[in-house]
Amino acid sequence: MTSIQLYIETLITRIGLATRYLGLILVINTALVVALRYLFNWSPIALQETMTYLHASLFMLGAAYTLQQDGHVRVDVFYQHMSERKQHIVNLMGTLFLLLPTCAFIFIICLPYVSSSFAMGERSIEGNGLPFLYLLKSLLLILPVLLSLQGIANLIRHGLALQQLANTQEGK
């Protein structure tokens, strides 16, 4: 493991482990919204919008950690029957030709949208809503950055694994 890979993996792990608390906060917030609505006939907009912010944050900040833990859904019909070497090659190619270009596209497409939101200090259209809509939209840039970082760490990991397999083959 290289120092760059270790740094990236540590960063992604810390962010990923921190996001698990967002799920707990989201459940508590949702229960509070429901209780206030049905017990007191009161439905504060800001509290409802907080659910959206938490939900988006949970997924956008947790996606790279899920990638790191190999937890994303994939079709394993062919992959599971491949040799270890071929699996590393598939992971390398998938990262190079699918993940990284997709992340670059998302970042490039979302940058003007997020910049515009920050420039105007965009807030909720609801009078009593949250004033930080631009922070929520910034997750559209954070997601591809974190996924790209984890993709780089995966490239290093799979590249080193292929190199180690090649060295093992030569030693036989």
N, C-alpha and C. Protein backbone atom coordinates (compact mmCIF):
# COMPACT_ATOMS: atom_id res chain seq x y z
N MET A 1 0.85 -1.18 0.00
CA MET A 1 0.00 0.00 0.00
C MET A 1 0.89 1.24 0.00
N THR A 2 0.65 2.14 -0.91
CA THR A 2 1.43 3.37 -0.99
C THR A 2 0.90 4.40 0.00
N SER A 3 1.68 5.44 0.24
CA SER A 3 1.25 6.46 1.19
C SER A 3 0.06 7.25 0.64
N ILE A 4 0.02 7.47 -0.68
CA ILE A 4 -1.12 8.17 -1.28
C ILE A 4 -2.39 7.35 -1.10
N GLN A 5 -2.29 6.07 -1.39
CA GLN A 5 -3.45 5.18 -1.24
C GLN A 5 -3.89 5.15 0.22
N LEU A 6 -2.95 5.05 1.13
CA LEU A 6 -3.28 5.01 2.56
C LEU A 6 -3.97 6.30 3.00
N TYR A 7 -3.46 7.43 2.55
CA TYR A 7 -4.06 8.72 2.90
C TYR A 7 -5.50 8.81 2.38
N ILE A 8 -5.69 8.45 1.10
CA ILE A 8 -7.03 8.51 0.51
C ILE A 8 -7.98 7.56 1.23
N GLU A 9 -7.54 6.34 1.44
CA GLU A 9 -8.41 5.34 2.09
C GLU A 9 -8.77 5.76 3.52
N THR A 10 -7.81 6.36 4.23
CA THR A 10 -8.08 6.83 5.59
C THR A 10 -9.11 7.96 5.57
N LEU A 11 -8.93 8.90 4.64
CA LEU A 11 -9.87 10.02 4.52
C LEU A 11 -11.28 9.52 4.20
N ILE A 12 -11.39 8.64 3.21
CA ILE A 12 -12.69 8.11 2.80
C ILE A 12 -13.32 7.30 3.93
N THR A 13 -12.51 6.53 4.65
CA THR A 13 -13.04 5.74 5.78
C THR A 13 -13.59 6.66 6.85
N ARG A 14 -12.86 7.70 7.18
CA ARG A 14 -13.34 8.63 8.23
C ARG A 14 -14.64 9.32 7.82
N ILE A 15 -14.70 9.76 6.58
CA ILE A 15 -15.93 10.39 6.09
C ILE A 15 -17.07 9.37 6.09
N GLY A 16 -16.79 8.16 5.62
CA GLY A 16 -17.80 7.11 5.57
C GLY A 16 -18.33 6.73 6.93
N LEU A 17 -17.42 6.60 7.90
CA LEU A 17 -17.86 6.25 9.24
C LEU A 17 -18.64 7.39 9.90
N ALA A 18 -18.28 8.62 9.56
CA ALA A 18 -19.03 9.76 10.11
C ALA A 18 -20.44 9.83 9.53
N THR A 19 -20.60 9.41 8.27
CA THR A 19 -21.92 9.50 7.65
C THR A 19 -22.94 8.55 8.27
N ARG A 20 -22.46 7.52 8.93
CA ARG A 20 -23.43 6.59 9.54
C ARG A 20 -24.28 7.28 10.58
N TYR A 21 -23.74 8.32 11.20
CA TYR A 21 -24.52 9.06 12.19
C TYR A 21 -25.61 9.89 11.53
N LEU A 22 -25.41 10.22 10.25
CA LEU A 22 -26.46 10.95 9.54
C LEU A 22 -27.73 10.11 9.45
N GLY A 23 -27.57 8.81 9.30
CA GLY A 23 -28.74 7.92 9.26
C GLY A 23 -29.52 7.96 10.55
N LEU A 24 -28.81 7.92 11.66
CA LEU A 24 -29.46 7.98 12.97
C LEU A 24 -30.17 9.32 13.16
N ILE A 25 -29.48 10.40 12.80
CA ILE A 25 -30.08 11.73 12.93
C ILE A 25 -31.29 11.85 12.02
N LEU A 26 -31.21 11.25 10.83
CA LEU A 26 -32.33 11.28 9.89
C LEU A 26 -33.55 10.57 10.47
N VAL A 27 -33.35 9.43 11.09
CA VAL A 27 -34.47 8.68 11.70
C VAL A 27 -35.09 9.49 12.83
N ILE A 28 -34.26 10.07 13.66
CA ILE A 28 -34.77 10.89 14.78
C ILE A 28 -35.53 12.10 14.25
N ASN A 29 -34.97 12.76 13.24
CA ASN A 29 -35.62 13.93 12.66
C ASN A 29 -36.96 13.56 12.03
N THR A 30 -37.00 12.44 11.33
CA THR A 30 -38.24 12.00 10.70
C THR A 30 -39.30 11.69 11.76
N ALA A 31 -38.91 11.01 12.81
CA ALA A 31 -39.85 10.71 13.90
C ALA A 31 -40.37 11.99 14.53
N LEU A 32 -39.49 12.97 14.67
CA LEU A 32 -39.90 14.25 15.25
C LEU A 32 -40.89 14.97 14.34
N VAL A 33 -40.64 14.97 13.04
CA VAL A 33 -41.56 15.60 12.09
C VAL A 33 -42.93 14.94 12.16
N VAL A 34 -42.95 13.62 12.18
CA VAL A 34 -44.22 12.88 12.24
C VAL A 34 -44.94 13.17 13.55
N ALA A 35 -44.21 13.13 14.66
CA ALA A 35 -44.82 13.39 15.97
C ALA A 35 -45.40 14.80 16.04
N LEU A 36 -44.65 15.77 15.56
CA LEU A 36 -45.14 17.15 15.60
C LEU A 36 -46.37 17.33 14.71
N ARG A 37 -46.36 16.65 13.58
CA ARG A 37 -47.49 16.79 12.65
C ARG A 37 -48.76 16.16 13.22
N TYR A 38 -48.65 14.95 13.76
CA TYR A 38 -49.86 14.23 14.18
C TYR A 38 -50.27 14.50 15.62
N LEU A 39 -49.33 14.86 16.46
CA LEU A 39 -49.68 15.14 17.86
C LEU A 39 -50.05 16.60 18.09
N PHE A 40 -49.37 17.50 17.36
CA PHE A 40 -49.57 18.93 17.62
C PHE A 40 -50.07 19.69 16.39
N ASN A 41 -50.32 18.96 15.29
CA ASN A 41 -50.79 19.57 14.05
C ASN A 41 -49.88 20.73 13.62
N TRP A 42 -48.57 20.51 13.80
CA TRP A 42 -47.57 21.53 13.46
C TRP A 42 -46.51 20.87 12.58
N SER A 43 -46.21 21.49 11.47
CA SER A 43 -45.28 20.89 10.52
C SER A 43 -44.25 21.93 10.07
N PRO A 44 -43.19 22.11 10.86
CA PRO A 44 -42.20 23.13 10.50
C PRO A 44 -41.44 22.78 9.21
N ILE A 45 -41.43 23.72 8.28
CA ILE A 45 -40.81 23.52 6.96
C ILE A 45 -39.31 23.23 7.12
N ALA A 46 -38.64 23.99 7.96
CA ALA A 46 -37.19 23.81 8.12
C ALA A 46 -36.85 22.40 8.58
N LEU A 47 -37.66 21.85 9.46
CA LEU A 47 -37.41 20.49 9.94
C LEU A 47 -37.64 19.47 8.83
N GLN A 48 -38.63 19.72 7.99
CA GLN A 48 -38.88 18.83 6.86
C GLN A 48 -37.74 18.92 5.84
N GLU A 49 -37.25 20.12 5.60
CA GLU A 49 -36.14 20.28 4.66
C GLU A 49 -34.86 19.66 5.21
N THR A 50 -34.73 19.63 6.51
CA THR A 50 -33.57 19.00 7.12
C THR A 50 -33.50 17.52 6.73
N MET A 51 -34.66 16.89 6.60
CA MET A 51 -34.68 15.49 6.17
C MET A 51 -34.05 15.35 4.78
N THR A 52 -34.37 16.26 3.89
CA THR A 52 -33.79 16.22 2.54
C THR A 52 -32.29 16.40 2.60
N TYR A 53 -31.83 17.35 3.39
CA TYR A 53 -30.40 17.63 3.51
C TYR A 53 -29.68 16.40 4.07
N LEU A 54 -30.25 15.80 5.11
CA LEU A 54 -29.62 14.63 5.73
C LEU A 54 -29.61 13.45 4.77
N HIS A 55 -30.70 13.24 4.09
CA HIS A 55 -30.81 12.12 3.15
C HIS A 55 -29.78 12.27 2.03
N ALA A 56 -29.72 13.45 1.45
CA ALA A 56 -28.76 13.70 0.37
C ALA A 56 -27.32 13.55 0.88
N SER A 57 -27.04 14.08 2.05
CA SER A 57 -25.70 14.00 2.63
C SER A 57 -25.30 12.56 2.90
N LEU A 58 -26.23 11.79 3.40
CA LEU A 58 -25.96 10.39 3.71
C LEU A 58 -25.49 9.64 2.47
N PHE A 59 -26.19 9.81 1.37
CA PHE A 59 -25.85 9.09 0.15
C PHE A 59 -24.65 9.69 -0.58
N MET A 60 -24.61 11.00 -0.67
CA MET A 60 -23.53 11.65 -1.43
C MET A 60 -22.18 11.51 -0.72
N LEU A 61 -22.18 11.60 0.59
CA LEU A 61 -20.92 11.48 1.33
C LEU A 61 -20.54 10.02 1.58
N GLY A 62 -21.52 9.14 1.55
CA GLY A 62 -21.25 7.73 1.83
C GLY A 62 -20.94 6.89 0.60
N ALA A 63 -21.11 7.43 -0.59
CA ALA A 63 -20.92 6.65 -1.81
C ALA A 63 -19.47 6.18 -1.98
N ALA A 64 -18.51 7.04 -1.69
CA ALA A 64 -17.10 6.66 -1.86
C ALA A 64 -16.71 5.57 -0.85
N TYR A 65 -17.24 5.68 0.36
CA TYR A 65 -16.96 4.66 1.37
C TYR A 65 -17.56 3.31 0.94
N THR A 66 -18.76 3.36 0.37
CA THR A 66 -19.39 2.14 -0.12
C THR A 66 -18.56 1.52 -1.24
N LEU A 67 -18.01 2.37 -2.10
CA LEU A 67 -17.12 1.88 -3.16
C LEU A 67 -15.87 1.25 -2.55
N GLN A 68 -15.32 1.90 -1.56
CA GLN A 68 -14.12 1.37 -0.89
C GLN A 68 -14.38 0.00 -0.28
N GLN A 69 -15.56 -0.17 0.29
CA GLN A 69 -15.91 -1.42 0.95
C GLN A 69 -16.46 -2.45 -0.04
N ASP A 70 -16.45 -2.13 -1.32
CA ASP A 70 -16.95 -2.99 -2.39
C ASP A 70 -18.42 -3.33 -2.17
N GLY A 71 -19.18 -2.32 -1.74
CA GLY A 71 -20.57 -2.54 -1.40
C GLY A 71 -21.57 -2.12 -2.45
N HIS A 72 -21.10 -1.57 -3.58
CA HIS A 72 -22.03 -1.18 -4.63
C HIS A 72 -22.54 -2.41 -5.35
N VAL A 73 -23.73 -2.30 -5.87
CA VAL A 73 -24.36 -3.41 -6.58
C VAL A 73 -23.67 -3.60 -7.93
N ARG A 74 -23.42 -4.83 -8.28
CA ARG A 74 -22.88 -5.14 -9.59
C ARG A 74 -23.41 -6.50 -10.03
N VAL A 75 -23.28 -6.76 -11.30
CA VAL A 75 -23.71 -8.04 -11.84
C VAL A 75 -22.55 -9.01 -11.70
N ASP A 76 -22.69 -9.96 -10.81
CA ASP A 76 -21.60 -10.89 -10.52
C ASP A 76 -21.69 -12.19 -11.31
N VAL A 77 -22.58 -12.25 -12.29
CA VAL A 77 -22.77 -13.49 -13.04
C VAL A 77 -21.46 -13.95 -13.66
N PHE A 78 -20.73 -13.02 -14.26
CA PHE A 78 -19.46 -13.36 -14.90
C PHE A 78 -18.28 -13.12 -13.95
N TYR A 79 -18.35 -12.04 -13.22
CA TYR A 79 -17.24 -11.60 -12.37
C TYR A 79 -16.84 -12.66 -11.35
N GLN A 80 -17.81 -13.29 -10.72
CA GLN A 80 -17.52 -14.26 -9.66
C GLN A 80 -16.78 -15.50 -10.17
N HIS A 81 -16.90 -15.78 -11.47
CA HIS A 81 -16.23 -16.96 -12.03
C HIS A 81 -14.88 -16.63 -12.66
N MET A 82 -14.50 -15.36 -12.61
CA MET A 82 -13.22 -14.95 -13.19
C MET A 82 -12.07 -15.24 -12.23
N SER A 83 -10.90 -15.35 -12.79
CA SER A 83 -9.70 -15.52 -11.96
C SER A 83 -9.45 -14.20 -11.22
N GLU A 84 -8.64 -14.26 -10.20
CA GLU A 84 -8.31 -13.07 -9.41
C GLU A 84 -7.68 -12.00 -10.31
N ARG A 85 -6.82 -12.43 -11.21
CA ARG A 85 -6.16 -11.51 -12.13
C ARG A 85 -7.18 -10.78 -13.00
N LYS A 86 -8.12 -11.53 -13.57
CA LYS A 86 -9.14 -10.92 -14.43
C LYS A 86 -10.05 -9.98 -13.64
N GLN A 87 -10.34 -10.33 -12.40
CA GLN A 87 -11.16 -9.44 -11.57
C GLN A 87 -10.45 -8.11 -11.34
N HIS A 88 -9.14 -8.15 -11.09
CA HIS A 88 -8.38 -6.91 -10.91
C HIS A 88 -8.37 -6.10 -12.20
N ILE A 89 -8.26 -6.77 -13.33
CA ILE A 89 -8.27 -6.06 -14.62
C ILE A 89 -9.64 -5.41 -14.86
N VAL A 90 -10.71 -6.14 -14.57
CA VAL A 90 -12.06 -5.59 -14.72
C VAL A 90 -12.23 -4.36 -13.82
N ASN A 91 -11.77 -4.46 -12.59
CA ASN A 91 -11.88 -3.33 -11.66
C ASN A 91 -11.06 -2.14 -12.14
N LEU A 92 -9.86 -2.40 -12.65
CA LEU A 92 -9.03 -1.32 -13.21
C LEU A 92 -9.72 -0.65 -14.40
N MET A 93 -10.18 -1.45 -15.32
CA MET A 93 -10.83 -0.91 -16.53
C MET A 93 -12.13 -0.18 -16.19
N GLY A 94 -12.90 -0.75 -15.28
CA GLY A 94 -14.15 -0.10 -14.87
C GLY A 94 -13.89 1.26 -14.23
N THR A 95 -12.84 1.34 -13.43
CA THR A 95 -12.49 2.60 -12.79
C THR A 95 -12.00 3.61 -13.82
N LEU A 96 -11.11 3.17 -14.70
CA LEU A 96 -10.53 4.07 -15.70
C LEU A 96 -11.54 4.55 -16.74
N PHE A 97 -12.38 3.64 -17.22
CA PHE A 97 -13.23 3.98 -18.35
C PHE A 97 -14.70 4.26 -17.99
N LEU A 98 -15.09 3.96 -16.77
CA LEU A 98 -16.47 4.25 -16.35
C LEU A 98 -16.52 5.23 -15.18
N LEU A 99 -15.90 4.86 -14.06
CA LEU A 99 -16.01 5.68 -12.85
C LEU A 99 -15.41 7.07 -13.03
N LEU A 100 -14.14 7.15 -13.40
CA LEU A 100 -13.47 8.44 -13.47
C LEU A 100 -14.07 9.37 -14.54
N PRO A 101 -14.38 8.88 -15.74
CA PRO A 101 -15.04 9.78 -16.70
C PRO A 101 -16.42 10.25 -16.23
N THR A 102 -17.16 9.37 -15.59
CA THR A 102 -18.48 9.75 -15.08
C THR A 102 -18.35 10.82 -14.01
N CYS A 103 -17.39 10.65 -13.12
CA CYS A 103 -17.16 11.64 -12.07
C CYS A 103 -16.74 12.98 -12.67
N ALA A 104 -15.88 12.95 -13.68
CA ALA A 104 -15.46 14.19 -14.34
C ALA A 104 -16.66 14.88 -14.99
N PHE A 105 -17.51 14.09 -15.65
CA PHE A 105 -18.70 14.64 -16.30
C PHE A 105 -19.63 15.29 -15.27
N ILE A 106 -19.89 14.59 -14.17
CA ILE A 106 -20.78 15.12 -13.13
C ILE A 106 -20.21 16.43 -12.58
N PHE A 107 -18.92 16.44 -12.32
CA PHE A 107 -18.29 17.64 -11.76
C PHE A 107 -18.39 18.82 -12.74
N ILE A 108 -18.05 18.57 -14.00
CA ILE A 108 -18.07 19.64 -15.00
C ILE A 108 -19.48 20.18 -15.23
N ILE A 109 -20.45 19.28 -15.30
CA ILE A 109 -21.84 19.69 -15.53
C ILE A 109 -22.41 20.45 -14.33
N CYS A 110 -22.04 20.04 -13.12
CA CYS A 110 -22.63 20.63 -11.92
C CYS A 110 -21.92 21.89 -11.44
N LEU A 111 -20.69 22.11 -11.87
CA LEU A 111 -19.92 23.26 -11.38
C LEU A 111 -20.63 24.59 -11.61
N PRO A 112 -21.13 24.90 -12.80
CA PRO A 112 -21.83 26.18 -12.97
C PRO A 112 -23.09 26.29 -12.12
N TYR A 113 -23.79 25.20 -11.99
CA TYR A 113 -25.03 25.15 -11.20
C TYR A 113 -24.74 25.45 -9.73
N VAL A 114 -23.71 24.83 -9.19
CA VAL A 114 -23.34 25.04 -7.79
C VAL A 114 -22.74 26.42 -7.59
N SER A 115 -21.90 26.86 -8.52
CA SER A 115 -21.29 28.19 -8.43
C SER A 115 -22.35 29.27 -8.42
N SER A 116 -23.34 29.12 -9.27
CA SER A 116 -24.44 30.07 -9.33
C SER A 116 -25.21 30.10 -8.01
N SER A 117 -25.42 28.94 -7.45
CA SER A 117 -26.13 28.85 -6.17
C SER A 117 -25.35 29.54 -5.05
N PHE A 118 -24.04 29.34 -5.03
CA PHE A 118 -23.20 30.00 -4.02
C PHE A 118 -23.18 31.51 -4.24
N ALA A 119 -23.07 31.94 -5.51
CA ALA A 119 -22.97 33.37 -5.82
C ALA A 119 -24.20 34.14 -5.34
N MET A 120 -25.36 33.53 -5.45
CA MET A 120 -26.57 34.24 -5.01
C MET A 120 -26.98 33.89 -3.58
N GLY A 121 -26.18 33.04 -2.91
CA GLY A 121 -26.54 32.65 -1.54
C GLY A 121 -27.90 32.00 -1.50
N GLU A 122 -28.14 31.10 -2.44
CA GLU A 122 -29.46 30.50 -2.61
C GLU A 122 -29.98 29.87 -1.33
N ARG A 123 -31.24 30.10 -1.11
CA ARG A 123 -31.92 29.56 0.06
C ARG A 123 -33.22 28.92 -0.37
N SER A 124 -33.88 28.31 0.57
CA SER A 124 -35.16 27.65 0.29
C SER A 124 -36.18 28.65 -0.25
N ILE A 125 -37.04 28.16 -1.14
CA ILE A 125 -38.11 29.03 -1.64
C ILE A 125 -39.21 29.22 -0.60
N GLU A 126 -39.22 28.37 0.40
CA GLU A 126 -40.20 28.48 1.48
C GLU A 126 -39.76 29.57 2.45
N GLY A 127 -40.68 30.36 2.93
CA GLY A 127 -40.36 31.45 3.84
C GLY A 127 -39.65 31.00 5.10
N ASN A 128 -40.08 29.90 5.66
CA ASN A 128 -39.47 29.39 6.88
C ASN A 128 -38.50 28.24 6.62
N GLY A 129 -38.05 28.13 5.38
CA GLY A 129 -37.14 27.04 5.01
C GLY A 129 -35.70 27.35 5.42
N LEU A 130 -34.83 26.41 5.10
CA LEU A 130 -33.42 26.55 5.46
C LEU A 130 -32.71 27.52 4.50
N PRO A 131 -31.81 28.32 5.05
CA PRO A 131 -31.14 29.33 4.22
C PRO A 131 -29.87 28.83 3.53
N PHE A 132 -29.61 27.55 3.57
CA PHE A 132 -28.32 27.04 3.07
C PHE A 132 -28.47 26.09 1.89
N LEU A 133 -29.31 26.40 0.95
CA LEU A 133 -29.52 25.51 -0.18
C LEU A 133 -28.24 25.32 -0.98
N TYR A 134 -27.41 26.33 -1.03
CA TYR A 134 -26.14 26.22 -1.75
C TYR A 134 -25.22 25.17 -1.13
N LEU A 135 -25.32 24.96 0.17
CA LEU A 135 -24.52 23.91 0.80
C LEU A 135 -25.00 22.53 0.38
N LEU A 136 -26.30 22.37 0.27
CA LEU A 136 -26.85 21.10 -0.20
C LEU A 136 -26.39 20.84 -1.64
N LYS A 137 -26.45 21.85 -2.46
CA LYS A 137 -26.05 21.70 -3.87
C LYS A 137 -24.54 21.43 -3.99
N SER A 138 -23.75 21.87 -3.04
CA SER A 138 -22.30 21.62 -3.10
C SER A 138 -21.98 20.13 -3.02
N LEU A 139 -22.92 19.35 -2.51
CA LEU A 139 -22.72 17.90 -2.48
C LEU A 139 -22.59 17.32 -3.89
N LEU A 140 -23.15 18.03 -4.87
CA LEU A 140 -23.04 17.60 -6.26
C LEU A 140 -21.59 17.66 -6.76
N LEU A 141 -20.76 18.45 -6.12
CA LEU A 141 -19.33 18.52 -6.45
C LEU A 141 -18.51 17.62 -5.53
N ILE A 142 -18.94 17.51 -4.30
CA ILE A 142 -18.20 16.69 -3.33
C ILE A 142 -18.29 15.21 -3.71
N LEU A 143 -19.46 14.76 -4.16
CA LEU A 143 -19.64 13.36 -4.56
C LEU A 143 -18.62 12.91 -5.61
N PRO A 144 -18.49 13.59 -6.75
CA PRO A 144 -17.53 13.10 -7.74
C PRO A 144 -16.07 13.22 -7.29
N VAL A 145 -15.79 14.22 -6.45
CA VAL A 145 -14.42 14.34 -5.94
C VAL A 145 -14.07 13.16 -5.05
N LEU A 146 -14.97 12.83 -4.12
CA LEU A 146 -14.71 11.70 -3.22
C LEU A 146 -14.66 10.38 -3.98
N LEU A 147 -15.58 10.19 -4.92
CA LEU A 147 -15.56 8.96 -5.73
C LEU A 147 -14.29 8.86 -6.57
N SER A 148 -13.83 9.99 -7.11
CA SER A 148 -12.60 9.99 -7.90
C SER A 148 -11.40 9.65 -7.03
N LEU A 149 -11.35 10.23 -5.84
CA LEU A 149 -10.25 9.91 -4.93
C LEU A 149 -10.23 8.42 -4.61
N GLN A 150 -11.40 7.86 -4.30
CA GLN A 150 -11.45 6.43 -4.02
C GLN A 150 -11.12 5.63 -5.26
N GLY A 151 -11.52 6.12 -6.42
CA GLY A 151 -11.16 5.46 -7.67
C GLY A 151 -9.66 5.42 -7.87
N ILE A 152 -8.96 6.50 -7.54
CA ILE A 152 -7.50 6.53 -7.63
C ILE A 152 -6.89 5.52 -6.67
N ALA A 153 -7.42 5.47 -5.46
CA ALA A 153 -6.93 4.48 -4.48
C ALA A 153 -7.17 3.06 -5.00
N ASN A 154 -8.32 2.84 -5.63
CA ASN A 154 -8.62 1.51 -6.20
C ASN A 154 -7.67 1.17 -7.35
N LEU A 155 -7.36 2.16 -8.19
CA LEU A 155 -6.40 1.93 -9.27
C LEU A 155 -5.06 1.48 -8.71
N ILE A 156 -4.62 2.16 -7.67
CA ILE A 156 -3.35 1.80 -7.04
C ILE A 156 -3.44 0.39 -6.46
N ARG A 157 -4.53 0.12 -5.73
CA ARG A 157 -4.70 -1.19 -5.10
C ARG A 157 -4.70 -2.33 -6.13
N HIS A 158 -5.50 -2.17 -7.17
CA HIS A 158 -5.60 -3.24 -8.17
C HIS A 158 -4.33 -3.34 -9.01
N GLY A 159 -3.70 -2.20 -9.28
CA GLY A 159 -2.43 -2.22 -10.00
C GLY A 159 -1.35 -2.95 -9.21
N LEU A 160 -1.27 -2.67 -7.91
CA LEU A 160 -0.29 -3.37 -7.07
C LEU A 160 -0.61 -4.86 -6.97
N ALA A 161 -1.90 -5.17 -6.89
CA ALA A 161 -2.29 -6.59 -6.80
C ALA A 161 -1.91 -7.33 -8.08
N LEU A 162 -2.12 -6.69 -9.23
CA LEU A 162 -1.73 -7.31 -10.50
C LEU A 162 -0.22 -7.49 -10.58
N GLN A 163 0.49 -6.50 -10.10
CA GLN A 163 1.96 -6.58 -10.09
C GLN A 163 2.42 -7.72 -9.18
N GLN A 164 1.78 -7.84 -8.04
CA GLN A 164 2.13 -8.91 -7.09
C GLN A 164 1.81 -10.29 -7.69
N LEU A 165 0.67 -10.39 -8.38
CA LEU A 165 0.32 -11.65 -9.04
C LEU A 165 1.33 -12.00 -10.13
N ALA A 166 1.76 -10.99 -10.88
CA ALA A 166 2.74 -11.21 -11.93
C ALA A 166 4.08 -11.67 -11.33
N ASN A 167 4.47 -11.05 -10.22
CA ASN A 167 5.72 -11.44 -9.56
C ASN A 167 5.63 -12.86 -9.01
N THR A 168 4.46 -13.23 -8.52
CA THR A 168 4.23 -14.58 -8.00
C THR A 168 4.31 -15.59 -9.14
N GLN A 169 3.74 -15.24 -10.30
CA GLN A 169 3.78 -16.11 -11.46
C GLN A 169 5.21 -16.32 -11.95
N GLU A 170 6.03 -15.26 -11.91
CA GLU A 170 7.41 -15.34 -12.35
C GLU A 170 8.24 -16.23 -11.42
N GLY A 171 7.90 -16.20 -10.13
CA GLY A 171 8.64 -16.97 -9.14
C GLY A 171 8.38 -18.46 -9.21
N LYS A 172 7.32 -18.85 -9.91
CA LYS A 172 6.96 -20.28 -9.97
C LYS A 172 7.78 -21.01 -10.97
